C-alpha atoms as a PDB file:
ATOM      1  CA  UNK A   1       0.000   0.000   0.000  1.00  0.00           C
ATOM      2  CA  UNK A   2       1.294   3.479  -0.919  1.00  0.00           C
ATOM      3  CA  UNK A   3       1.067   6.256   1.666  1.00  0.00           C
ATOM      4  CA  UNK A   4       0.910   9.991   1.130  1.00  0.00           C
ATOM      5  CA  UNK A   5       3.599  12.143   2.758  1.00  0.00           C
ATOM      6  CA  UNK A   6       1.108  13.384   5.368  1.00  0.00           C
ATOM      7  CA  UNK A   7       0.229   9.778   6.268  1.00  0.00           C
ATOM      8  CA  UNK A   8       3.912   8.823   6.583  1.00  0.00           C
ATOM      9  CA  UNK A   9       4.425  11.801   8.892  1.00  0.00           C
ATOM     10  CA  UNK A  10       1.441  10.744  11.030  1.00  0.00           C
ATOM     11  CA  UNK A  11       2.912   7.230  11.327  1.00  0.00           C
ATOM     12  CA  UNK A  12       6.304   8.664  12.343  1.00  0.00           C
ATOM     13  CA  UNK A  13       4.654  10.783  15.034  1.00  0.00           C
ATOM     14  CA  UNK A  14       2.614   7.842  16.290  1.00  0.00           C
ATOM     15  CA  UNK A  15       5.781   5.759  16.644  1.00  0.00           C
ATOM     16  CA  UNK A  16       7.693   8.582  18.347  1.00  0.00           C
ATOM     17  CA  UNK A  17       4.892   9.280  20.840  1.00  0.00           C
ATOM     18  CA  UNK A  18       3.822   5.684  21.482  1.00  0.00           C
ATOM     19  CA  UNK A  19       4.349   4.125  24.913  1.00  0.00           C
ATOM     20  CA  UNK A  20       5.083   0.862  23.120  1.00  0.00           C
ATOM     21  CA  UNK A  21       8.344  -0.020  21.393  1.00  0.00           C
ATOM     22  CA  UNK A  22       8.772   0.939  17.743  1.00  0.00           C
ATOM     23  CA  UNK A  23       8.536  -2.727  16.747  1.00  0.00           C
ATOM     24  CA  UNK A  24       5.266  -3.234  18.634  1.00  0.00           C
ATOM     25  CA  UNK A  25       3.754   0.016  17.354  1.00  0.00           C
ATOM     26  CA  UNK A  26       4.661  -0.739  13.740  1.00  0.00           C
ATOM     27  CA  UNK A  27       3.238  -4.247  14.085  1.00  0.00           C
ATOM     28  CA  UNK A  28      -0.092  -2.779  15.264  1.00  0.00           C
ATOM     29  CA  UNK A  29      -0.077  -0.317  12.369  1.00  0.00           C
ATOM     30  CA  UNK A  30       0.791  -3.013   9.849  1.00  0.00           C
ATOM     31  CA  UNK A  31       3.835  -1.099   8.580  1.00  0.00           C
ATOM     32  CA  UNK A  32       7.048  -3.084   7.867  1.00  0.00           C
ATOM     33  CA  UNK A  33      10.012  -1.911   9.919  1.00  0.00           C
ATOM     34  CA  UNK A  34      12.266  -1.666   6.856  1.00  0.00           C
ATOM     35  CA  UNK A  35       9.739   0.615   5.169  1.00  0.00           C
ATOM     36  CA  UNK A  36       9.358   2.765   8.279  1.00  0.00           C
ATOM     37  CA  UNK A  37      13.096   3.263   8.807  1.00  0.00           C
ATOM     38  CA  UNK A  38      13.532   4.154   5.138  1.00  0.00           C
ATOM     39  CA  UNK A  39      10.939   6.860   5.618  1.00  0.00           C
ATOM     40  CA  UNK A  40      12.513   7.935   8.916  1.00  0.00           C
ATOM     41  CA  UNK A  41      15.996   8.312   7.422  1.00  0.00           C
ATOM     42  CA  UNK A  42      14.620  10.478   4.630  1.00  0.00           C
ATOM     43  CA  UNK A  43      12.592  12.483   7.180  1.00  0.00           C
ATOM     44  CA  UNK A  44      15.673  13.169   9.336  1.00  0.00           C
ATOM     45  CA  UNK A  45      17.643  14.286   6.287  1.00  0.00           C
ATOM     46  CA  UNK A  46      15.054  16.405   4.466  1.00  0.00           C
ATOM     47  CA  UNK A  47      12.087  16.827   6.778  1.00  0.00           C
ATOM     48  CA  UNK A  48       8.549  16.301   5.463  1.00  0.00           C
ATOM     49  CA  UNK A  49       9.751  16.949   1.891  1.00  0.00           C
ATOM     50  CA  UNK A  50      11.751  13.729   2.083  1.00  0.00           C
ATOM     51  CA  UNK A  51       8.538  11.763   2.592  1.00  0.00           C
ATOM     52  CA  UNK A  52       7.010  12.771  -0.730  1.00  0.00           C
ATOM     53  CA  UNK A  53       6.960  10.182  -3.502  1.00  0.00           C
ATOM     54  CA  UNK A  54       8.934  11.008  -6.606  1.00  0.00           C
ATOM     55  CA  UNK A  55       6.269   9.528  -8.870  1.00  0.00           C
ATOM     56  CA  UNK A  56       3.037  11.481  -9.586  1.00  0.00           C
ATOM     57  CA  UNK A  57       0.289  11.062  -7.029  1.00  0.00           C
ATOM     58  CA  UNK A  58      -2.924   9.301  -8.057  1.00  0.00           C
ATOM     59  CA  UNK A  59      -5.786  11.679  -8.824  1.00  0.00           C
ATOM     60  CA  UNK A  60      -8.008  10.143  -6.124  1.00  0.00           C
ATOM     61  CA  UNK A  61      -5.700   9.144  -3.292  1.00  0.00           C
ATOM     62  CA  UNK A  62      -8.527   7.934  -1.055  1.00  0.00           C
ATOM     63  CA  UNK A  63      -9.415   5.195  -3.562  1.00  0.00           C
ATOM     64  CA  UNK A  64      -6.326   3.308  -2.425  1.00  0.00           C
ATOM     65  CA  UNK A  65      -8.159   2.377   0.769  1.00  0.00           C
ATOM     66  CA  UNK A  66      -9.781  -1.057   0.303  1.00  0.00           C
ATOM     67  CA  UNK A  67     -13.574  -1.061   0.091  1.00  0.00           C
ATOM     68  CA  UNK A  68     -13.880  -3.225   3.210  1.00  0.00           C
ATOM     69  CA  UNK A  69     -11.798  -0.745   5.219  1.00  0.00           C
ATOM     70  CA  UNK A  70     -13.901   2.163   3.950  1.00  0.00           C
ATOM     71  CA  UNK A  71     -17.077   0.356   5.011  1.00  0.00           C
ATOM     72  CA  UNK A  72     -15.647  -0.221   8.484  1.00  0.00           C
ATOM     73  CA  UNK A  73     -14.644   3.455   8.793  1.00  0.00           C
ATOM     74  CA  UNK A  74     -18.178   4.564   7.870  1.00  0.00           C
ATOM     75  CA  UNK A  75     -19.682   2.054  10.312  1.00  0.00           C
ATOM     76  CA  UNK A  76     -17.448   3.353  13.119  1.00  0.00           C
ATOM     77  CA  UNK A  77     -18.316   6.992  12.275  1.00  0.00           C
ATOM     78  CA  UNK A  78     -22.045   6.253  12.456  1.00  0.00           C
ATOM     79  CA  UNK A  79     -21.569   4.479  15.782  1.00  0.00           C
ATOM     80  CA  UNK A  80     -19.229   7.064  17.359  1.00  0.00           C
ATOM     81  CA  UNK A  81     -20.768  10.283  16.069  1.00  0.00           C
ATOM     82  CA  UNK A  82     -19.108  12.464  18.703  1.00  0.00           C
ATOM     83  CA  UNK A  83     -15.583  11.622  17.504  1.00  0.00           C
ATOM     84  CA  UNK A  84     -13.622  13.896  15.183  1.00  0.00           C
ATOM     85  CA  UNK A  85     -11.901  12.471  12.069  1.00  0.00           C
ATOM     86  CA  UNK A  86      -8.625  12.458  14.030  1.00  0.00           C
ATOM     87  CA  UNK A  87     -10.191  10.564  16.936  1.00  0.00           C
ATOM     88  CA  UNK A  88     -11.885   8.160  14.520  1.00  0.00           C
ATOM     89  CA  UNK A  89      -8.537   7.471  12.827  1.00  0.00           C
ATOM     90  CA  UNK A  90      -6.891   6.676  16.178  1.00  0.00           C
ATOM     91  CA  UNK A  91      -9.826   4.537  17.343  1.00  0.00           C
ATOM     92  CA  UNK A  92      -9.926   2.616  14.058  1.00  0.00           C
ATOM     93  CA  UNK A  93      -6.181   1.971  14.158  1.00  0.00           C
ATOM     94  CA  UNK A  94      -6.397   0.718  17.745  1.00  0.00           C
ATOM     95  CA  UNK A  95      -9.417  -1.550  17.252  1.00  0.00           C
ATOM     96  CA  UNK A  96      -8.729  -2.848  13.736  1.00  0.00           C
ATOM     97  CA  UNK A  97      -4.887  -2.937  13.827  1.00  0.00           C
ATOM     98  CA  UNK A  98      -4.982  -1.215  10.434  1.00  0.00           C
ATOM     99  CA  UNK A  99      -3.635   2.308  10.041  1.00  0.00           C
ATOM    100  CA  UNK A 100      -5.775   4.975   8.423  1.00  0.00           C
ATOM    101  CA  UNK A 101      -4.828   8.627   8.549  1.00  0.00           C
ATOM    102  CA  UNK A 102      -6.974  11.514   9.732  1.00  0.00           C
ATOM    103  CA  UNK A 103      -7.050  12.864   6.176  1.00  0.00           C
ATOM    104  CA  UNK A 104      -8.179   9.523   4.766  1.00  0.00           C
ATOM    105  CA  UNK A 105     -10.994   9.284   7.326  1.00  0.00           C
ATOM    106  CA  UNK A 106     -12.128  12.801   6.446  1.00  0.00           C
ATOM    107  CA  UNK A 107     -12.212  11.944   2.718  1.00  0.00           C
ATOM    108  CA  UNK A 108     -14.122   8.712   3.301  1.00  0.00           C
ATOM    109  CA  UNK A 109     -16.736  10.522   5.414  1.00  0.00           C
ATOM    110  CA  UNK A 110     -16.953  13.322   2.862  1.00  0.00           C
ATOM    111  CA  UNK A 111     -17.543  10.809   0.077  1.00  0.00           C
ATOM    112  CA  UNK A 112     -20.444   9.306   2.078  1.00  0.00           C
ATOM    113  CA  UNK A 113     -21.999  12.710   2.911  1.00  0.00           C
ATOM    114  CA  UNK A 114     -21.159  12.359   6.595  1.00  0.00           C
ATOM    115  CA  UNK A 115     -19.360  15.688   6.715  1.00  0.00           C
ATOM    116  CA  UNK A 116     -21.548  18.733   7.161  1.00  0.00           C
ATOM    117  CA  UNK A 117     -20.229  22.265   7.417  1.00  0.00           C
ATOM    118  CA  UNK A 118     -18.187  22.610   9.477  1.00  0.00           C
ATOM    119  CA  UNK A 119     -18.414  19.390  11.539  1.00  0.00           C
ATOM    120  CA  UNK A 120     -20.007  16.057  10.755  1.00  0.00           C
ATOM    121  CA  UNK A 121     -23.143  15.292  12.743  1.00  0.00           C
ATOM    122  CA  UNK A 122     -25.524  12.353  12.606  1.00  0.00           C
ATOM    123  CA  UNK A 123     -28.339  13.203  15.015  1.00  0.00           C
ATOM    124  CA  UNK A 124     -32.071  13.268  15.507  1.00  0.00           C
ATOM    125  CA  UNK A 125     -33.278  16.482  17.127  1.00  0.00           C
ATOM    126  CA  UNK A 126     -35.922  16.404  19.815  1.00  0.00           C
ATOM    127  CA  UNK A 127     -38.893  18.743  19.589  1.00  0.00           C
ATOM    128  CA  UNK A 128     -37.741  20.879  22.487  1.00  0.00           C
ATOM    129  CA  UNK A 129     -35.448  20.958  25.490  1.00  0.00           C
ATOM    130  CA  UNK A 130     -36.752  19.339  28.630  1.00  0.00           C
ATOM    131  CA  UNK A 131     -35.339  22.156  30.809  1.00  0.00           C
ATOM    132  CA  UNK A 132     -35.988  25.493  29.138  1.00  0.00           C
ATOM    133  CA  UNK A 133     -33.960  28.481  30.277  1.00  0.00           C
ATOM    134  CA  UNK A 134     -35.806  31.625  31.349  1.00  0.00           C
ATOM    135  CA  UNK A 135     -32.927  34.127  31.577  1.00  0.00           C
ATOM    136  CA  UNK A 136     -29.354  34.708  30.448  1.00  0.00           C
ATOM    137  CA  UNK A 137     -26.426  33.002  32.192  1.00  0.00           C
ATOM    138  CA  UNK A 138     -28.487  30.051  33.386  1.00  0.00           C
ATOM    139  CA  UNK A 139     -27.034  27.600  30.864  1.00  0.00           C
ATOM    140  CA  UNK A 140     -23.959  27.860  28.677  1.00  0.00           C
ATOM    141  CA  UNK A 141     -23.486  25.459  25.787  1.00  0.00           C
ATOM    142  CA  UNK A 142     -19.950  24.554  24.764  1.00  0.00           C
ATOM    143  CA  UNK A 143     -18.581  22.695  21.793  1.00  0.00           C
ATOM    144  CA  UNK A 144     -15.618  22.249  19.481  1.00  0.00           C
ATOM    145  CA  UNK A 145     -16.126  22.808  15.758  1.00  0.00           C
ATOM    146  CA  UNK A 146     -13.650  21.001  13.525  1.00  0.00           C
ATOM    147  CA  UNK A 147     -11.975  23.021  10.767  1.00  0.00           C
ATOM    148  CA  UNK A 148      -9.542  21.576   8.225  1.00  0.00           C
ATOM    149  CA  UNK A 149      -7.154  24.048   6.586  1.00  0.00           C
ATOM    150  CA  UNK A 150      -5.428  22.601   3.552  1.00  0.00           C
ATOM    151  CA  UNK A 151      -1.674  22.617   4.041  1.00  0.00           C
ATOM    152  CA  UNK A 152      -1.994  23.320   7.765  1.00  0.00           C
ATOM    153  CA  UNK A 153      -4.113  20.507   9.194  1.00  0.00           C
ATOM    154  CA  UNK A 154      -6.917  20.512  11.758  1.00  0.00           C
ATOM    155  CA  UNK A 155      -7.982  23.408  13.945  1.00  0.00           C
ATOM    156  CA  UNK A 156     -10.708  23.447  16.592  1.00  0.00           C
ATOM    157  CA  UNK A 157     -12.997  26.403  17.214  1.00  0.00           C
ATOM    158  CA  UNK A 158     -14.265  26.336  20.775  1.00  0.00           C
ATOM    159  CA  UNK A 159     -17.253  28.475  21.720  1.00  0.00           C
ATOM    160  CA  UNK A 160     -19.410  29.385  24.718  1.00  0.00           C
ATOM    161  CA  UNK A 161     -23.036  30.040  23.727  1.00  0.00           C
ATOM    162  CA  UNK A 162     -25.642  31.404  26.123  1.00  0.00           C
ATOM    163  CA  UNK A 163     -28.656  29.100  25.777  1.00  0.00           C
ATOM    164  CA  UNK A 164     -31.292  31.782  26.393  1.00  0.00           C
ATOM    165  CA  UNK A 165     -29.976  34.685  24.282  1.00  0.00           C
ATOM    166  CA  UNK A 166     -28.112  32.498  21.719  1.00  0.00           C
ATOM    167  CA  UNK A 167     -25.222  34.944  22.085  1.00  0.00           C
ATOM    168  CA  UNK A 168     -21.658  33.654  21.717  1.00  0.00           C
ATOM    169  CA  UNK A 169     -20.008  34.910  24.881  1.00  0.00           C
ATOM    170  CA  UNK A 170     -16.479  33.780  24.064  1.00  0.00           C
ATOM    171  CA  UNK A 171     -14.561  31.761  21.512  1.00  0.00           C
ATOM    172  CA  UNK A 172     -11.061  30.496  20.920  1.00  0.00           C
ATOM    173  CA  UNK A 173      -9.290  28.861  17.965  1.00  0.00           C
ATOM    174  CA  UNK A 174      -7.160  25.943  19.164  1.00  0.00           C
ATOM    175  CA  UNK A 175      -4.796  23.387  17.692  1.00  0.00           C
ATOM    176  CA  UNK A 176      -5.853  20.783  20.276  1.00  0.00           C
ATOM    177  CA  UNK A 177      -8.936  19.805  22.259  1.00  0.00           C
ATOM    178  CA  UNK A 178      -7.596  19.766  25.805  1.00  0.00           C
ATOM    179  CA  UNK A 179      -9.240  20.493  29.133  1.00  0.00           C
ATOM    180  CA  UNK A 180      -7.018  23.559  29.542  1.00  0.00           C
ATOM    181  CA  UNK A 181      -8.393  24.964  26.275  1.00  0.00           C
ATOM    182  CA  UNK A 182     -11.899  24.578  27.717  1.00  0.00           C
ATOM    183  CA  UNK A 183     -10.999  26.354  30.956  1.00  0.00           C
ATOM    184  CA  UNK A 184      -9.233  29.167  29.036  1.00  0.00           C
ATOM    185  CA  UNK A 185     -12.350  30.130  27.120  1.00  0.00           C
ATOM    186  CA  UNK A 186     -14.576  29.591  30.174  1.00  0.00           C
ATOM    187  CA  UNK A 187     -12.425  32.170  31.972  1.00  0.00           C
ATOM    188  CA  UNK A 188     -13.028  34.535  29.065  1.00  0.00           C
ATOM    189  CA  UNK A 189     -16.776  33.891  29.249  1.00  0.00           C
ATOM    190  CA  UNK A 190     -16.905  34.552  32.997  1.00  0.00           C
ATOM    191  CA  UNK A 191     -15.063  37.840  32.481  1.00  0.00           C
ATOM    192  CA  UNK A 192     -17.205  38.897  29.497  1.00  0.00           C
ATOM    193  CA  UNK A 193     -20.475  38.095  31.291  1.00  0.00           C
ATOM    194  CA  UNK A 194     -19.401  39.724  34.544  1.00  0.00           C
ATOM    195  CA  UNK A 195     -20.137  36.551  36.511  1.00  0.00           C
ATOM    196  CA  UNK A 196     -16.662  36.653  38.060  1.00  0.00           C
ATOM    197  CA  UNK A 197     -16.951  40.304  39.167  1.00  0.00           C
ATOM    198  CA  UNK A 198     -20.140  40.272  41.246  1.00  0.00           C
ATOM    199  CA  UNK A 199     -21.673  37.843  43.722  1.00  0.00           C
ATOM    200  CA  UNK A 200     -23.828  35.387  41.799  1.00  0.00           C
ATOM    201  CA  UNK A 201     -26.034  32.926  43.688  1.00  0.00           C
ATOM    202  CA  UNK A 202     -26.139  30.424  40.835  1.00  0.00           C
ATOM    203  CA  UNK A 203     -23.287  30.329  38.355  1.00  0.00           C
ATOM    204  CA  UNK A 204     -24.122  29.264  34.778  1.00  0.00           C
ATOM    205  CA  UNK A 205     -24.509  25.516  34.253  1.00  0.00           C
ATOM    206  CA  UNK A 206     -22.268  24.087  31.555  1.00  0.00           C
ATOM    207  CA  UNK A 207     -23.713  21.797  28.861  1.00  0.00           C
ATOM    208  CA  UNK A 208     -21.316  19.814  26.674  1.00  0.00           C
ATOM    209  CA  UNK A 209     -20.994  16.544  24.819  1.00  0.00           C
ATOM    210  CA  UNK A 210     -18.908  13.605  26.034  1.00  0.00           C
ATOM    211  CA  UNK A 211     -15.617  14.443  24.338  1.00  0.00           C
ATOM    212  CA  UNK A 212     -12.498  13.587  26.326  1.00  0.00           C
ATOM    213  CA  UNK A 213     -11.712  17.245  27.078  1.00  0.00           C
ATOM    214  CA  UNK A 214     -15.109  17.613  28.787  1.00  0.00           C
ATOM    215  CA  UNK A 215     -14.919  14.483  30.934  1.00  0.00           C
ATOM    216  CA  UNK A 216     -11.432  15.125  32.302  1.00  0.00           C
ATOM    217  CA  UNK A 217     -10.767  15.356  36.005  1.00  0.00           C
ATOM    218  CA  UNK A 218      -8.974  18.685  35.555  1.00  0.00           C
ATOM    219  CA  UNK A 219     -12.099  20.310  34.125  1.00  0.00           C
ATOM    220  CA  UNK A 220     -14.309  18.826  36.850  1.00  0.00           C
ATOM    221  CA  UNK A 221     -11.979  20.222  39.539  1.00  0.00           C
ATOM    222  CA  UNK A 222     -11.878  23.645  37.849  1.00  0.00           C
ATOM    223  CA  UNK A 223     -15.685  23.830  37.619  1.00  0.00           C
ATOM    224  CA  UNK A 224     -16.035  22.818  41.248  1.00  0.00           C
ATOM    225  CA  UNK A 225     -13.663  25.615  42.287  1.00  0.00           C
ATOM    226  CA  UNK A 226     -15.761  28.091  40.281  1.00  0.00           C
ATOM    227  CA  UNK A 227     -19.049  26.811  41.719  1.00  0.00           C
ATOM    228  CA  UNK A 228     -20.336  25.741  38.305  1.00  0.00           C
ATOM    229  CA  UNK A 229     -22.356  22.600  37.563  1.00  0.00           C
ATOM    230  CA  UNK A 230     -21.784  20.481  34.470  1.00  0.00           C
ATOM    231  CA  UNK A 231     -24.280  18.511  32.384  1.00  0.00           C
ATOM    232  CA  UNK A 232     -23.347  16.316  29.440  1.00  0.00           C
ATOM    233  CA  UNK A 233     -25.750  15.729  26.585  1.00  0.00           C
ATOM    234  CA  UNK A 234     -27.014  12.234  25.819  1.00  0.00           C
ATOM    235  CA  UNK A 235     -25.678  10.696  22.600  1.00  0.00           C
ATOM    236  CA  UNK A 236     -27.794  11.525  19.520  1.00  0.00           C
ATOM    237  CA  UNK A 237     -29.813  13.934  21.682  1.00  0.00           C
ATOM    238  CA  UNK A 238     -28.593  17.552  21.413  1.00  0.00           C
ATOM    239  CA  UNK A 239     -31.708  18.933  23.142  1.00  0.00           C
ATOM    240  CA  UNK A 240     -30.814  17.318  26.475  1.00  0.00           C
END
């Protein structure tokens, strides 16, 4: 199987950051060690440019992925709708012992109309929320929107939206989806809303999905210190 330069770079980074040995990691990815070290030598000498093939690239690179693998990727995406293409690629590689890159996952989902603008969502919306807000700063909704910038990779737009007014209180463009990114833009929201400057009996309740950055212990501890409660939406049910 031929890999694009971006896919070779992803494999190199996976091997470098893995807690397993290079041999074990490559075995899980299904990449021969001789092939990997040939890539790695060229990468050390010339950087990412050394990973590019000399021969012309196929017009439709994603067609190199076997049909069975594409079907499994789509099946996983429909099952794990809250995962980003990057998270789907990692999950698929771990569970199937077959490496697919983030870019390949994105192209497969795009080809099956599972990518909306700007993030892919497969949901059924309820008629109305079971707990309607009656004033501002009662409930803040938070989410990451996935943005792919050709030549740069993935970026994540994090936002705080007031449920009652539908006003975006704060936002931040990130290169990762970490708990500290969440707390950074929550700090901005507290400052912008004035909730950190006056005595407030009930701080805004936070509503999020179940992404790893929202279920972390660091975020839970931070919210507790700020006196804020946290609710997580049920899968396939954004009107929780």
